[in-house]
Amino acid sequence: MLYFTTSVRNNSKLVVVARALMAIARKVIVLDFNKISSEHVVATGVVVLSLGITYWLIAGQSKSPPD
């Protein structure tokens, strides 16, 4: 059985969150702001902000010294 260290698990999580950030960034780039509602823009911004905070928290957790 293969056991992962905390840093390997955190790196995997970082990759998943980074891919989600890239996907939503691509969606933002192709948005036509003249055709969508302001609620959709706000919701997209909330998703980007929450993914950014998640990435920051996971990256900060992986940099903490081991106990």
N, C-alpha and C. Protein backbone atom coordinates (compact mmCIF):
# COMPACT_ATOMS: atom_id res chain seq x y z
N MET A 1 0.84 -1.17 0.00
CA MET A 1 0.00 0.00 0.00
C MET A 1 0.89 1.24 0.00
N LEU A 2 0.48 2.23 -0.74
CA LEU A 2 1.27 3.45 -0.89
C LEU A 2 0.73 4.53 0.04
N TYR A 3 1.62 5.09 0.85
CA TYR A 3 1.23 6.15 1.76
C TYR A 3 1.83 7.46 1.28
N PHE A 4 1.01 8.49 1.23
CA PHE A 4 1.48 9.80 0.79
C PHE A 4 1.78 10.67 2.00
N THR A 5 2.81 11.48 1.87
CA THR A 5 3.09 12.44 2.92
C THR A 5 2.13 13.62 2.77
N THR A 6 2.09 14.46 3.77
CA THR A 6 1.19 15.61 3.75
C THR A 6 1.50 16.54 2.58
N SER A 7 2.77 16.73 2.28
CA SER A 7 3.12 17.64 1.19
C SER A 7 2.66 17.11 -0.16
N VAL A 8 2.70 15.81 -0.36
CA VAL A 8 2.24 15.24 -1.62
C VAL A 8 0.73 15.42 -1.74
N ARG A 9 0.00 15.19 -0.66
CA ARG A 9 -1.45 15.38 -0.69
C ARG A 9 -1.80 16.84 -0.94
N ASN A 10 -1.07 17.76 -0.30
CA ASN A 10 -1.35 19.18 -0.50
C ASN A 10 -1.01 19.60 -1.92
N ASN A 11 0.06 19.04 -2.49
CA ASN A 11 0.40 19.37 -3.86
C ASN A 11 -0.68 18.90 -4.81
N SER A 12 -1.25 17.73 -4.55
CA SER A 12 -2.34 17.23 -5.38
C SER A 12 -3.55 18.14 -5.28
N LYS A 13 -3.84 18.60 -4.08
CA LYS A 13 -4.96 19.52 -3.88
C LYS A 13 -4.69 20.84 -4.60
N LEU A 14 -3.46 21.31 -4.52
CA LEU A 14 -3.11 22.55 -5.21
C LEU A 14 -3.30 22.43 -6.71
N VAL A 15 -2.95 21.30 -7.27
CA VAL A 15 -3.11 21.10 -8.70
C VAL A 15 -4.58 21.12 -9.08
N VAL A 16 -5.42 20.49 -8.28
CA VAL A 16 -6.86 20.47 -8.56
C VAL A 16 -7.43 21.88 -8.49
N VAL A 17 -7.08 22.63 -7.47
CA VAL A 17 -7.60 23.99 -7.32
C VAL A 17 -7.04 24.90 -8.42
N ALA A 18 -5.78 24.71 -8.77
CA ALA A 18 -5.19 25.52 -9.84
C ALA A 18 -5.88 25.25 -11.18
N ARG A 19 -6.20 23.99 -11.44
CA ARG A 19 -6.92 23.66 -12.68
C ARG A 19 -8.31 24.28 -12.69
N ALA A 20 -8.97 24.28 -11.53
CA ALA A 20 -10.29 24.92 -11.45
C ALA A 20 -10.18 26.42 -11.68
N LEU A 21 -9.14 27.04 -11.13
CA LEU A 21 -8.91 28.47 -11.36
C LEU A 21 -8.67 28.76 -12.84
N MET A 22 -7.90 27.90 -13.49
CA MET A 22 -7.65 28.10 -14.93
C MET A 22 -8.93 27.94 -15.74
N ALA A 23 -9.76 26.99 -15.36
CA ALA A 23 -11.01 26.78 -16.09
C ALA A 23 -11.94 27.98 -15.94
N ILE A 24 -12.08 28.50 -14.74
CA ILE A 24 -12.97 29.65 -14.53
C ILE A 24 -12.36 30.90 -15.17
N ALA A 25 -11.04 31.01 -15.19
CA ALA A 25 -10.41 32.15 -15.85
C ALA A 25 -10.68 32.12 -17.35
N ARG A 26 -10.63 30.94 -17.94
CA ARG A 26 -10.95 30.81 -19.36
C ARG A 26 -12.39 31.21 -19.63
N LYS A 27 -13.28 30.83 -18.71
CA LYS A 27 -14.69 31.19 -18.85
C LYS A 27 -14.87 32.71 -18.76
N VAL A 28 -14.15 33.35 -17.88
CA VAL A 28 -14.24 34.81 -17.73
C VAL A 28 -13.73 35.50 -18.99
N ILE A 29 -12.68 34.97 -19.58
CA ILE A 29 -12.12 35.59 -20.78
C ILE A 29 -13.12 35.59 -21.93
N VAL A 30 -13.89 34.52 -22.07
CA VAL A 30 -14.81 34.41 -23.20
C VAL A 30 -16.21 34.96 -22.91
N LEU A 31 -16.44 35.48 -21.70
CA LEU A 31 -17.76 36.03 -21.37
C LEU A 31 -18.07 37.27 -22.21
N ASP A 32 -19.30 37.37 -22.62
CA ASP A 32 -19.76 38.57 -23.30
C ASP A 32 -20.55 39.39 -22.28
N PHE A 33 -19.91 40.39 -21.72
CA PHE A 33 -20.50 41.14 -20.62
C PHE A 33 -21.72 41.95 -21.05
N ASN A 34 -21.93 42.13 -22.34
CA ASN A 34 -23.12 42.83 -22.81
C ASN A 34 -24.36 41.94 -22.79
N LYS A 35 -24.17 40.62 -22.78
CA LYS A 35 -25.30 39.70 -22.88
C LYS A 35 -25.65 38.98 -21.59
N ILE A 36 -24.80 39.07 -20.56
CA ILE A 36 -25.09 38.36 -19.32
C ILE A 36 -25.53 39.34 -18.24
N SER A 37 -26.21 38.79 -17.24
CA SER A 37 -26.74 39.64 -16.17
C SER A 37 -25.63 39.98 -15.15
N SER A 38 -25.90 40.99 -14.37
CA SER A 38 -24.93 41.39 -13.35
C SER A 38 -24.81 40.33 -12.26
N GLU A 39 -25.88 39.58 -12.02
CA GLU A 39 -25.82 38.51 -11.03
C GLU A 39 -24.83 37.43 -11.45
N HIS A 40 -24.79 37.14 -12.74
CA HIS A 40 -23.86 36.14 -13.26
C HIS A 40 -22.42 36.61 -13.10
N VAL A 41 -22.18 37.88 -13.32
CA VAL A 41 -20.83 38.43 -13.15
C VAL A 41 -20.43 38.37 -11.68
N VAL A 42 -21.34 38.71 -10.78
CA VAL A 42 -21.05 38.66 -9.34
C VAL A 42 -20.80 37.22 -8.91
N ALA A 43 -21.61 36.29 -9.38
CA ALA A 43 -21.44 34.88 -9.02
C ALA A 43 -20.10 34.34 -9.51
N THR A 44 -19.71 34.72 -10.70
CA THR A 44 -18.42 34.30 -11.24
C THR A 44 -17.29 34.88 -10.40
N GLY A 45 -17.42 36.12 -10.00
CA GLY A 45 -16.42 36.74 -9.14
C GLY A 45 -16.30 36.06 -7.79
N VAL A 46 -17.43 35.65 -7.24
CA VAL A 46 -17.42 34.93 -5.95
C VAL A 46 -16.70 33.59 -6.10
N VAL A 47 -16.94 32.90 -7.20
CA VAL A 47 -16.26 31.62 -7.45
C VAL A 47 -14.76 31.82 -7.57
N VAL A 48 -14.34 32.83 -8.31
CA VAL A 48 -12.92 33.11 -8.48
C VAL A 48 -12.29 33.46 -7.13
N LEU A 49 -12.95 34.30 -6.36
CA LEU A 49 -12.43 34.69 -5.05
C LEU A 49 -12.33 33.49 -4.11
N SER A 50 -13.35 32.65 -4.08
CA SER A 50 -13.31 31.50 -3.18
C SER A 50 -12.24 30.49 -3.59
N LEU A 51 -12.05 30.29 -4.89
CA LEU A 51 -10.98 29.39 -5.34
C LEU A 51 -9.61 29.99 -5.03
N GLY A 52 -9.48 31.30 -5.16
CA GLY A 52 -8.21 31.95 -4.81
C GLY A 52 -7.89 31.81 -3.33
N ILE A 53 -8.88 31.99 -2.49
CA ILE A 53 -8.67 31.83 -1.05
C ILE A 53 -8.33 30.39 -0.71
N THR A 54 -9.01 29.45 -1.35
CA THR A 54 -8.72 28.04 -1.13
C THR A 54 -7.29 27.71 -1.53
N TYR A 55 -6.86 28.19 -2.68
CA TYR A 55 -5.49 27.96 -3.13
C TYR A 55 -4.50 28.55 -2.12
N TRP A 56 -4.77 29.76 -1.68
CA TRP A 56 -3.88 30.43 -0.72
C TRP A 56 -3.79 29.64 0.59
N LEU A 57 -4.92 29.14 1.08
CA LEU A 57 -4.93 28.39 2.34
C LEU A 57 -4.17 27.07 2.20
N ILE A 58 -4.38 26.36 1.10
CA ILE A 58 -3.69 25.08 0.91
C ILE A 58 -2.19 25.32 0.72
N ALA A 59 -1.82 26.34 -0.04
CA ALA A 59 -0.41 26.63 -0.26
C ALA A 59 0.27 27.04 1.05
N GLY A 60 -0.43 27.80 1.87
CA GLY A 60 0.13 28.20 3.16
C GLY A 60 0.26 27.02 4.11
N GLN A 61 -0.66 26.08 4.02
CA GLN A 61 -0.62 24.89 4.87
C GLN A 61 0.59 24.02 4.51
N SER A 62 0.90 23.94 3.23
CA SER A 62 2.03 23.08 2.81
C SER A 62 3.37 23.71 3.17
N LYS A 63 3.42 25.02 3.42
CA LYS A 63 4.67 25.69 3.75
C LYS A 63 4.93 25.70 5.26
N SER A 64 3.95 25.32 6.06
CA SER A 64 4.12 25.35 7.51
C SER A 64 5.11 24.26 7.94
N PRO A 65 5.90 24.53 8.99
CA PRO A 65 6.87 23.54 9.43
C PRO A 65 6.17 22.33 10.04
N PRO A 66 6.73 21.13 9.87
CA PRO A 66 6.10 19.94 10.45
C PRO A 66 6.17 19.95 11.96
N ASP A 67 5.17 19.36 12.57
CA ASP A 67 5.14 19.30 14.06
C ASP A 67 6.02 18.21 14.61
